[in-house]
PDB file of N, CA and C in Angstrom:
ATOM      1  N   MET A   1       0.830  -1.187   0.000  1.00  0.00           N
ATOM      2  CA  MET A   1       0.000   0.000   0.000  1.00  0.00           C
ATOM      3  C   MET A   1       0.874   1.250   0.000  1.00  0.00           C
ATOM      4  N   VAL A   2       0.396   2.267  -0.655  1.00  0.00           N
ATOM      5  CA  VAL A   2       1.107   3.534  -0.731  1.00  0.00           C
ATOM      6  C   VAL A   2       0.976   4.259   0.613  1.00  0.00           C
ATOM      7  N   GLN A   3       2.113   4.727   1.111  1.00  0.00           N
ATOM      8  CA  GLN A   3       2.127   5.488   2.363  1.00  0.00           C
ATOM      9  C   GLN A   3       2.553   6.921   2.079  1.00  0.00           C
ATOM     10  N   PHE A   4       2.018   7.823   2.872  1.00  0.00           N
ATOM     11  CA  PHE A   4       2.329   9.244   2.757  1.00  0.00           C
ATOM     12  C   PHE A   4       2.859   9.739   4.094  1.00  0.00           C
ATOM     13  N   ILE A   5       3.680  10.799   4.022  1.00  0.00           N
ATOM     14  CA  ILE A   5       4.249  11.404   5.220  1.00  0.00           C
ATOM     15  C   ILE A   5       4.492  12.891   4.936  1.00  0.00           C
ATOM     16  N   GLN A   6       4.498  13.699   5.998  1.00  0.00           N
ATOM     17  CA  GLN A   6       4.788  15.130   5.849  1.00  0.00           C
ATOM     18  C   GLN A   6       6.189  15.329   5.302  1.00  0.00           C
ATOM     19  N   LYS A   7       6.338  16.372   4.484  1.00  0.00           N
ATOM     20  CA  LYS A   7       7.672  16.827   4.117  1.00  0.00           C
ATOM     21  C   LYS A   7       8.191  17.697   5.261  1.00  0.00           C
ATOM     22  N   ASN A   8       9.459  17.983   5.243  1.00  0.00           N
ATOM     23  CA  ASN A   8      10.054  18.829   6.283  1.00  0.00           C
ATOM     24  C   ASN A   8       9.884  20.298   5.948  1.00  0.00           C
ATOM     25  N   SER A   9      10.309  21.146   6.827  1.00  0.00           N
ATOM     26  CA  SER A   9      10.348  22.605   6.685  1.00  0.00           C
ATOM     27  C   SER A   9       8.982  23.282   6.782  1.00  0.00           C
ATOM     28  N   PHE A  10       8.118  22.748   7.623  1.00  0.00           N
ATOM     29  CA  PHE A  10       6.807  23.356   7.812  1.00  0.00           C
ATOM     30  C   PHE A  10       6.599  23.726   9.267  1.00  0.00           C
ATOM     31  N   GLU A  11       5.894  24.805   9.459  1.00  0.00           N
ATOM     32  CA  GLU A  11       5.429  25.213  10.783  1.00  0.00           C
ATOM     33  C   GLU A  11       3.917  25.078  10.760  1.00  0.00           C
ATOM     34  N   ALA A  12       3.355  24.472  11.783  1.00  0.00           N
ATOM     35  CA  ALA A  12       1.904  24.303  11.849  1.00  0.00           C
ATOM     36  C   ALA A  12       1.401  24.825  13.183  1.00  0.00           C
ATOM     37  N   THR A  13       0.251  25.488  13.122  1.00  0.00           N
ATOM     38  CA  THR A  13      -0.364  25.980  14.345  1.00  0.00           C
ATOM     39  C   THR A  13      -1.872  25.837  14.237  1.00  0.00           C
ATOM     40  N   GLN A  14      -2.492  25.590  15.375  1.00  0.00           N
ATOM     41  CA  GLN A  14      -3.943  25.480  15.422  1.00  0.00           C
ATOM     42  C   GLN A  14      -4.518  26.741  16.038  1.00  0.00           C
ATOM     43  N   ILE A  15      -5.499  27.312  15.359  1.00  0.00           N
ATOM     44  CA  ILE A  15      -6.222  28.476  15.862  1.00  0.00           C
ATOM     45  C   ILE A  15      -7.698  28.093  15.848  1.00  0.00           C
ATOM     46  N   GLU A  16      -8.230  27.863  17.047  1.00  0.00           N
ATOM     47  CA  GLU A  16      -9.593  27.360  17.224  1.00  0.00           C
ATOM     48  C   GLU A  16      -9.743  26.053  16.450  1.00  0.00           C
ATOM     49  N   ASP A  17     -10.653  25.970  15.485  1.00  0.00           N
ATOM     50  CA  ASP A  17     -10.872  24.720  14.749  1.00  0.00           C
ATOM     51  C   ASP A  17     -10.141  24.685  13.412  1.00  0.00           C
ATOM     52  N   GLU A  18      -9.198  25.587  13.216  1.00  0.00           N
ATOM     53  CA  GLU A  18      -8.503  25.688  11.932  1.00  0.00           C
ATOM     54  C   GLU A  18      -7.003  25.484  12.137  1.00  0.00           C
ATOM     55  N   TRP A  19      -6.372  24.860  11.174  1.00  0.00           N
ATOM     56  CA  TRP A  19      -4.924  24.667  11.188  1.00  0.00           C
ATOM     57  C   TRP A  19      -4.303  25.506  10.089  1.00  0.00           C
ATOM     58  N   ILE A  20      -3.186  26.128  10.404  1.00  0.00           N
ATOM     59  CA  ILE A  20      -2.426  26.925   9.443  1.00  0.00           C
ATOM     60  C   ILE A  20      -1.075  26.239   9.265  1.00  0.00           C
ATOM     61  N   ILE A  21      -0.765  25.860   8.023  1.00  0.00           N
ATOM     62  CA  ILE A  21       0.503  25.210   7.701  1.00  0.00           C
ATOM     63  C   ILE A  21       1.340  26.201   6.901  1.00  0.00           C
ATOM     64  N   LEU A  22       2.506  26.556   7.423  1.00  0.00           N
ATOM     65  CA  LEU A  22       3.401  27.502   6.762  1.00  0.00           C
ATOM     66  C   LEU A  22       4.572  26.744   6.152  1.00  0.00           C
ATOM     67  N   ASP A  23       4.763  26.918   4.859  1.00  0.00           N
ATOM     68  CA  ASP A  23       5.917  26.343   4.175  1.00  0.00           C
ATOM     69  C   ASP A  23       7.011  27.402   4.219  1.00  0.00           C
ATOM     70  N   THR A  24       8.005  27.178   5.063  1.00  0.00           N
ATOM     71  CA  THR A  24       9.044  28.184   5.269  1.00  0.00           C
ATOM     72  C   THR A  24      10.039  28.255   4.118  1.00  0.00           C
ATOM     73  N   ASP A  25      10.040  27.268   3.234  1.00  0.00           N
ATOM     74  CA  ASP A  25      10.914  27.319   2.060  1.00  0.00           C
ATOM     75  C   ASP A  25      10.245  28.034   0.887  1.00  0.00           C
ATOM     76  N   GLN A  26       8.966  27.750   0.661  1.00  0.00           N
ATOM     77  CA  GLN A  26       8.246  28.318  -0.479  1.00  0.00           C
ATOM     78  C   GLN A  26       7.410  29.550  -0.105  1.00  0.00           C
ATOM     79  N   TYR A  27       7.355  29.866   1.191  1.00  0.00           N
ATOM     80  CA  TYR A  27       6.588  31.014   1.677  1.00  0.00           C
ATOM     81  C   TYR A  27       5.112  30.921   1.293  1.00  0.00           C
ATOM     82  N   THR A  28       4.528  29.749   1.536  1.00  0.00           N
ATOM     83  CA  THR A  28       3.106  29.556   1.274  1.00  0.00           C
ATOM     84  C   THR A  28       2.384  29.234   2.576  1.00  0.00           C
ATOM     85  N   VAL A  29       1.089  29.482   2.563  1.00  0.00           N
ATOM     86  CA  VAL A  29       0.233  29.196   3.711  1.00  0.00           C
ATOM     87  C   VAL A  29      -0.912  28.317   3.230  1.00  0.00           C
ATOM     88  N   THR A  30      -1.176  27.233   3.967  1.00  0.00           N
ATOM     89  CA  THR A  30      -2.285  26.346   3.660  1.00  0.00           C
ATOM     90  C   THR A  30      -3.163  26.254   4.902  1.00  0.00           C
ATOM     91  N   ARG A  31      -4.454  26.438   4.704  1.00  0.00           N
ATOM     92  CA  ARG A  31      -5.404  26.350   5.811  1.00  0.00           C
ATOM     93  C   ARG A  31      -6.130  25.015   5.750  1.00  0.00           C
ATOM     94  N   LEU A  32      -6.275  24.388   6.916  1.00  0.00           N
ATOM     95  CA  LEU A  32      -6.988  23.114   7.019  1.00  0.00           C
ATOM     96  C   LEU A  32      -8.064  23.236   8.088  1.00  0.00           C
ATOM     97  N   ASN A  33      -9.180  22.541   7.870  1.00  0.00           N
ATOM     98  CA  ASN A  33     -10.200  22.503   8.911  1.00  0.00           C
ATOM     99  C   ASN A  33      -9.765  21.526  10.002  1.00  0.00           C
ATOM    100  N   GLU A  34     -10.600  21.320  10.998  1.00  0.00           N
ATOM    101  CA  GLU A  34     -10.246  20.478  12.137  1.00  0.00           C
ATOM    102  C   GLU A  34      -9.888  19.058  11.715  1.00  0.00           C
ATOM    103  N   LEU A  35     -10.682  18.480  10.823  1.00  0.00           N
ATOM    104  CA  LEU A  35     -10.412  17.121  10.357  1.00  0.00           C
ATOM    105  C   LEU A  35      -9.114  17.067   9.556  1.00  0.00           C
ATOM    106  N   GLY A  36      -8.882  18.065   8.725  1.00  0.00           N
ATOM    107  CA  GLY A  36      -7.636  18.138   7.970  1.00  0.00           C
ATOM    108  C   GLY A  36      -6.437  18.268   8.893  1.00  0.00           C
ATOM    109  N   GLY A  37      -6.585  19.050   9.963  1.00  0.00           N
ATOM    110  CA  GLY A  37      -5.521  19.195  10.946  1.00  0.00           C
ATOM    111  C   GLY A  37      -5.242  17.890  11.672  1.00  0.00           C
ATOM    112  N   PHE A  38      -6.292  17.147  11.978  1.00  0.00           N
ATOM    113  CA  PHE A  38      -6.127  15.833  12.607  1.00  0.00           C
ATOM    114  C   PHE A  38      -5.303  14.925  11.693  1.00  0.00           C
ATOM    115  N   CYS A  39      -5.663  14.907  10.406  1.00  0.00           N
ATOM    116  CA  CYS A  39      -4.914  14.085   9.439  1.00  0.00           C
ATOM    117  C   CYS A  39      -3.476  14.574   9.321  1.00  0.00           C
ATOM    118  N   TRP A  40      -3.271  15.891   9.331  1.00  0.00           N
ATOM    119  CA  TRP A  40      -1.931  16.465   9.250  1.00  0.00           C
ATOM    120  C   TRP A  40      -1.052  15.951  10.384  1.00  0.00           C
ATOM    121  N   LEU A  41      -1.600  15.941  11.591  1.00  0.00           N
ATOM    122  CA  LEU A  41      -0.845  15.430  12.733  1.00  0.00           C
ATOM    123  C   LEU A  41      -0.500  13.957  12.555  1.00  0.00           C
ATOM    124  N   LYS A  42      -1.437  13.183  12.063  1.00  0.00           N
ATOM    125  CA  LYS A  42      -1.194  11.753  11.824  1.00  0.00           C
ATOM    126  C   LYS A  42      -0.097  11.554  10.781  1.00  0.00           C
ATOM    127  N   LEU A  43      -0.025  12.466   9.813  1.00  0.00           N
ATOM    128  CA  LEU A  43       0.958  12.355   8.736  1.00  0.00           C
ATOM    129  C   LEU A  43       2.373  12.695   9.191  1.00  0.00           C
ATOM    130  N   GLY A  44       2.555  12.961  10.463  1.00  0.00           N
ATOM    131  CA  GLY A  44       3.896  13.085  11.029  1.00  0.00           C
ATOM    132  C   GLY A  44       4.620  11.743  10.959  1.00  0.00           C
ATOM    133  N   GLU A  45       3.844  10.673  10.856  1.00  0.00           N
ATOM    134  CA  GLU A  45       4.351   9.319  10.636  1.00  0.00           C
ATOM    135  C   GLU A  45       3.701   8.794   9.362  1.00  0.00           C
ATOM    136  N   ALA A  46       4.318   7.827   8.735  1.00  0.00           N
ATOM    137  CA  ALA A  46       3.801   7.271   7.483  1.00  0.00           C
ATOM    138  C   ALA A  46       2.380   6.730   7.682  1.00  0.00           C
ATOM    139  N   GLN A  47       1.491   7.095   6.763  1.00  0.00           N
ATOM    140  CA  GLN A  47       0.088   6.684   6.819  1.00  0.00           C
ATOM    141  C   GLN A  47      -0.386   6.244   5.449  1.00  0.00           C
ATOM    142  N   THR A  48      -1.320   5.311   5.449  1.00  0.00           N
ATOM    143  CA  THR A  48      -2.017   4.916   4.229  1.00  0.00           C
ATOM    144  C   THR A  48      -3.423   5.510   4.288  1.00  0.00           C
ATOM    145  N   VAL A  49      -4.135   5.428   3.189  1.00  0.00           N
ATOM    146  CA  VAL A  49      -5.532   5.866   3.182  1.00  0.00           C
ATOM    147  C   VAL A  49      -6.306   5.073   4.231  1.00  0.00           C
ATOM    148  N   ASP A  50      -6.066   3.754   4.290  1.00  0.00           N
ATOM    149  CA  ASP A  50      -6.768   2.901   5.250  1.00  0.00           C
ATOM    150  C   ASP A  50      -6.448   3.279   6.693  1.00  0.00           C
ATOM    151  N   SER A  51      -5.183   3.562   6.995  1.00  0.00           N
ATOM    152  CA  SER A  51      -4.820   3.900   8.376  1.00  0.00           C
ATOM    153  C   SER A  51      -5.432   5.243   8.779  1.00  0.00           C
ATOM    154  N   LEU A  52      -5.489   6.189   7.844  1.00  0.00           N
ATOM    155  CA  LEU A  52      -6.136   7.466   8.148  1.00  0.00           C
ATOM    156  C   LEU A  52      -7.641   7.281   8.348  1.00  0.00           C
ATOM    157  N   GLN A  53      -8.243   6.443   7.526  1.00  0.00           N
ATOM    158  CA  GLN A  53      -9.675   6.182   7.657  1.00  0.00           C
ATOM    159  C   GLN A  53      -9.983   5.568   9.023  1.00  0.00           C
ATOM    160  N   THR A  54      -9.174   4.625   9.454  1.00  0.00           N
ATOM    161  CA  THR A  54      -9.362   3.999  10.757  1.00  0.00           C
ATOM    162  C   THR A  54      -9.201   5.014  11.880  1.00  0.00           C
ATOM    163  N   ALA A  55      -8.178   5.868  11.794  1.00  0.00           N
ATOM    164  CA  ALA A  55      -7.939   6.882  12.822  1.00  0.00           C
ATOM    165  C   ALA A  55      -9.102   7.871  12.905  1.00  0.00           C
ATOM    166  N   ILE A  56      -9.622   8.291  11.757  1.00  0.00           N
ATOM    167  CA  ILE A  56     -10.757   9.213  11.717  1.00  0.00           C
ATOM    168  C   ILE A  56     -11.983   8.558  12.338  1.00  0.00           C
ATOM    169  N   ASP A  57     -12.231   7.313  11.972  1.00  0.00           N
ATOM    170  CA  ASP A  57     -13.379   6.589  12.515  1.00  0.00           C
ATOM    171  C   ASP A  57     -13.283   6.481  14.041  1.00  0.00           C
ATOM    172  N   GLN A  58     -12.087   6.196  14.542  1.00  0.00           N
ATOM    173  CA  GLN A  58     -11.904   6.052  15.988  1.00  0.00           C
ATOM    174  C   GLN A  58     -12.028   7.383  16.720  1.00  0.00           C
ATOM    175  N   GLU A  59     -11.466   8.436  16.147  1.00  0.00           N
ATOM    176  CA  GLU A  59     -11.459   9.747  16.807  1.00  0.00           C
ATOM    177  C   GLU A  59     -12.814  10.445  16.745  1.00  0.00           C
ATOM    178  N   TYR A  60     -13.463  10.377  15.584  1.00  0.00           N
ATOM    179  CA  TYR A  60     -14.684  11.142  15.377  1.00  0.00           C
ATOM    180  C   TYR A  60     -15.943  10.288  15.349  1.00  0.00           C
ATOM    181  N   GLY A  61     -15.786   8.963  15.334  1.00  0.00           N
ATOM    182  CA  GLY A  61     -16.955   8.087  15.290  1.00  0.00           C
ATOM    183  C   GLY A  61     -17.756   8.255  14.017  1.00  0.00           C
ATOM    184  N   ALA A  62     -17.091   8.700  12.972  1.00  0.00           N
ATOM    185  CA  ALA A  62     -17.754   8.936  11.686  1.00  0.00           C
ATOM    186  C   ALA A  62     -17.055   8.130  10.603  1.00  0.00           C
ATOM    187  N   ASP A  63     -17.841   7.635   9.690  1.00  0.00           N
ATOM    188  CA  ASP A  63     -17.292   6.861   8.584  1.00  0.00           C
ATOM    189  C   ASP A  63     -16.898   7.817   7.459  1.00  0.00           C
ATOM    190  N   CYS A  64     -15.614   7.950   7.247  1.00  0.00           N
ATOM    191  CA  CYS A  64     -15.097   8.834   6.202  1.00  0.00           C
ATOM    192  C   CYS A  64     -14.782   7.979   4.972  1.00  0.00           C
ATOM    193  N   GLU A  65     -15.236   8.405   3.822  1.00  0.00           N
ATOM    194  CA  GLU A  65     -15.028   7.637   2.593  1.00  0.00           C
ATOM    195  C   GLU A  65     -13.571   7.694   2.151  1.00  0.00           C
ATOM    196  N   LYS A  66     -13.093   6.574   1.631  1.00  0.00           N
ATOM    197  CA  LYS A  66     -11.708   6.498   1.156  1.00  0.00           C
ATOM    198  C   LYS A  66     -11.452   7.489   0.028  1.00  0.00           C
ATOM    199  N   ASP A  67     -12.449   7.711  -0.819  1.00  0.00           N
ATOM    200  CA  ASP A  67     -12.286   8.667  -1.925  1.00  0.00           C
ATOM    201  C   ASP A  67     -12.012  10.075  -1.403  1.00  0.00           C
ATOM    202  N   SER A  68     -12.683  10.457  -0.318  1.00  0.00           N
ATOM    203  CA  SER A  68     -12.471  11.781   0.273  1.00  0.00           C
ATOM    204  C   SER A  68     -11.059  11.905   0.833  1.00  0.00           C
ATOM    205  N   ILE A  69     -10.593  10.860   1.490  1.00  0.00           N
ATOM    206  CA  ILE A  69      -9.236  10.869   2.038  1.00  0.00           C
ATOM    207  C   ILE A  69      -8.218  10.914   0.916  1.00  0.00           C
ATOM    208  N   ASP A  70      -8.451  10.143  -0.130  1.00  0.00           N
ATOM    209  CA  ASP A  70      -7.541  10.118  -1.274  1.00  0.00           C
ATOM    210  C   ASP A  70      -7.463  11.495  -1.937  1.00  0.00           C
ATOM    211  N   ARG A  71      -8.594  12.177  -2.090  1.00  0.00           N
ATOM    212  CA  ARG A  71      -8.608  13.531  -2.670  1.00  0.00           C
ATOM    213  C   ARG A  71      -7.853  14.507  -1.771  1.00  0.00           C
ATOM    214  N   PHE A  72      -8.052  14.392  -0.455  1.00  0.00           N
ATOM    215  CA  PHE A  72      -7.348  15.252   0.492  1.00  0.00           C
ATOM    216  C   PHE A  72      -5.836  15.050   0.373  1.00  0.00           C
ATOM    217  N   LEU A  73      -5.394  13.803   0.337  1.00  0.00           N
ATOM    218  CA  LEU A  73      -3.964  13.520   0.208  1.00  0.00           C
ATOM    219  C   LEU A  73      -3.417  14.026  -1.123  1.00  0.00           C
ATOM    220  N   THR A  74      -4.188  13.893  -2.180  1.00  0.00           N
ATOM    221  CA  THR A  74      -3.775  14.403  -3.492  1.00  0.00           C
ATOM    222  C   THR A  74      -3.603  15.919  -3.437  1.00  0.00           C
ATOM    223  N   ASP A  75      -4.527  16.604  -2.767  1.00  0.00           N
ATOM    224  CA  ASP A  75      -4.426  18.059  -2.629  1.00  0.00           C
ATOM    225  C   ASP A  75      -3.188  18.452  -1.828  1.00  0.00           C
ATOM    226  N   LEU A  76      -2.914  17.737  -0.723  1.00  0.00           N
ATOM    227  CA  LEU A  76      -1.717  18.035   0.068  1.00  0.00           C
ATOM    228  C   LEU A  76      -0.451  17.796  -0.740  1.00  0.00           C
ATOM    229  N   LYS A  77      -0.479  16.757  -1.563  1.00  0.00           N
ATOM    230  CA  LYS A  77       0.689  16.450  -2.395  1.00  0.00           C
ATOM    231  C   LYS A  77       0.893  17.561  -3.433  1.00  0.00           C
ATOM    232  N   LYS A  78      -0.181  18.037  -4.057  1.00  0.00           N
ATOM    233  CA  LYS A  78      -0.092  19.132  -5.023  1.00  0.00           C
ATOM    234  C   LYS A  78       0.455  20.405  -4.377  1.00  0.00           C
ATOM    235  N   CYS A  79       0.115  20.622  -3.110  1.00  0.00           N
ATOM    236  CA  CYS A  79       0.612  21.794  -2.373  1.00  0.00           C
ATOM    237  C   CYS A  79       2.059  21.606  -1.914  1.00  0.00           C
ATOM    238  N   GLY A  80       2.585  20.398  -2.095  1.00  0.00           N
ATOM    239  CA  GLY A  80       3.955  20.129  -1.699  1.00  0.00           C
ATOM    240  C   GLY A  80       4.134  19.877  -0.209  1.00  0.00           C
ATOM    241  N   LEU A  81       3.048  19.538   0.476  1.00  0.00           N
ATOM    242  CA  LEU A  81       3.117  19.344   1.919  1.00  0.00           C
ATOM    243  C   LEU A  81       3.457  17.911   2.339  1.00  0.00           C
ATOM    244  N   ILE A  82       3.131  16.952   1.480  1.00  0.00           N
ATOM    245  CA  ILE A  82       3.420  15.554   1.803  1.00  0.00           C
ATOM    246  C   ILE A  82       4.127  14.892   0.637  1.00  0.00           C
ATOM    247  N   ARG A  83       4.688  13.729   0.916  1.00  0.00           N
ATOM    248  CA  ARG A  83       5.362  12.937  -0.115  1.00  0.00           C
ATOM    249  C   ARG A  83       5.067  11.472   0.157  1.00  0.00           C
ATOM    250  N   HIS A  84       5.425  10.633  -0.810  1.00  0.00           N
ATOM    251  CA  HIS A  84       5.328   9.196  -0.580  1.00  0.00           C
ATOM    252  C   HIS A  84       6.401   8.788   0.428  1.00  0.00           C
ATOM    253  N   ALA A  85       5.997   7.990   1.397  1.00  0.00           N
ATOM    254  CA  ALA A  85       6.956   7.482   2.389  1.00  0.00           C
ATOM    255  C   ALA A  85       7.733   6.337   1.772  1.00  0.00           C
ATOM    256  N   ILE A  86       8.973   6.245   2.145  1.00  0.00           N
ATOM    257  CA  ILE A  86       9.814   5.178   1.586  1.00  0.00           C
ATOM    258  C   ILE A  86       9.832   4.016   2.537  1.00  0.00           C
TER     259      ILE A  86
END
Protein backbone atom coordinates (compact mmCIF):
# COMPACT_ATOMS: atom_id res chain seq x y z
CA MET A 1 0.00 0.00 0.00
CA VAL A 2 1.11 3.53 -0.73
CA GLN A 3 2.13 5.49 2.36
CA PHE A 4 2.33 9.24 2.76
CA ILE A 5 4.25 11.40 5.22
CA GLN A 6 4.79 15.13 5.85
CA LYS A 7 7.67 16.83 4.12
CA ASN A 8 10.05 18.83 6.28
CA SER A 9 10.35 22.60 6.68
CA PHE A 10 6.81 23.36 7.81
CA GLU A 11 5.43 25.21 10.78
CA ALA A 12 1.90 24.30 11.85
CA THR A 13 -0.36 25.98 14.35
CA GLN A 14 -3.94 25.48 15.42
CA ILE A 15 -6.22 28.48 15.86
CA GLU A 16 -9.59 27.36 17.22
CA ASP A 17 -10.87 24.72 14.75
CA GLU A 18 -8.50 25.69 11.93
CA TRP A 19 -4.92 24.67 11.19
CA ILE A 20 -2.43 26.93 9.44
CA ILE A 21 0.50 25.21 7.70
CA LEU A 22 3.40 27.50 6.76
CA ASP A 23 5.92 26.34 4.18
CA THR A 24 9.04 28.18 5.27
CA ASP A 25 10.91 27.32 2.06
CA GLN A 26 8.25 28.32 -0.48
CA TYR A 27 6.59 31.01 1.68
CA THR A 28 3.11 29.56 1.27
CA VAL A 29 0.23 29.20 3.71
CA THR A 30 -2.29 26.35 3.66
CA ARG A 31 -5.40 26.35 5.81
CA LEU A 32 -6.99 23.11 7.02
CA ASN A 33 -10.20 22.50 8.91
CA GLU A 34 -10.25 20.48 12.14
CA LEU A 35 -10.41 17.12 10.36
CA GLY A 36 -7.64 18.14 7.97
CA GLY A 37 -5.52 19.20 10.95
CA PHE A 38 -6.13 15.83 12.61
CA CYS A 39 -4.91 14.08 9.44
CA TRP A 40 -1.93 16.47 9.25
CA LEU A 41 -0.84 15.43 12.73
CA LYS A 42 -1.19 11.75 11.82
CA LEU A 43 0.96 12.35 8.74
CA GLY A 44 3.90 13.09 11.03
CA GLU A 45 4.35 9.32 10.64
CA ALA A 46 3.80 7.27 7.48
CA GLN A 47 0.09 6.68 6.82
CA THR A 48 -2.02 4.92 4.23
CA VAL A 49 -5.53 5.87 3.18
CA ASP A 50 -6.77 2.90 5.25
CA SER A 51 -4.82 3.90 8.38
CA LEU A 52 -6.14 7.47 8.15
CA GLN A 53 -9.68 6.18 7.66
CA THR A 54 -9.36 4.00 10.76
CA ALA A 55 -7.94 6.88 12.82
CA ILE A 56 -10.76 9.21 11.72
CA ASP A 57 -13.38 6.59 12.51
CA GLN A 58 -11.90 6.05 15.99
CA GLU A 59 -11.46 9.75 16.81
CA TYR A 60 -14.68 11.14 15.38
CA GLY A 61 -16.95 8.09 15.29
CA ALA A 62 -17.75 8.94 11.69
CA ASP A 63 -17.29 6.86 8.58
CA CYS A 64 -15.10 8.83 6.20
CA GLU A 65 -15.03 7.64 2.59
CA LYS A 66 -11.71 6.50 1.16
CA ASP A 67 -12.29 8.67 -1.92
CA SER A 68 -12.47 11.78 0.27
CA ILE A 69 -9.24 10.87 2.04
CA ASP A 70 -7.54 10.12 -1.27
CA ARG A 71 -8.61 13.53 -2.67
CA PHE A 72 -7.35 15.25 0.49
CA LEU A 73 -3.96 13.52 0.21
CA THR A 74 -3.77 14.40 -3.49
CA ASP A 75 -4.43 18.06 -2.63
CA LEU A 76 -1.72 18.03 0.07
CA LYS A 77 0.69 16.45 -2.40
CA LYS A 78 -0.09 19.13 -5.02
CA CYS A 79 0.61 21.79 -2.37
CA GLY A 80 3.96 20.13 -1.70
CA LEU A 81 3.12 19.34 1.92
CA ILE A 82 3.42 15.55 1.80
CA ARG A 83 5.36 12.94 -0.12
CA HIS A 84 5.33 9.20 -0.58
CA ALA A 85 6.96 7.48 2.39
CA ILE A 86 9.81 5.18 1.59
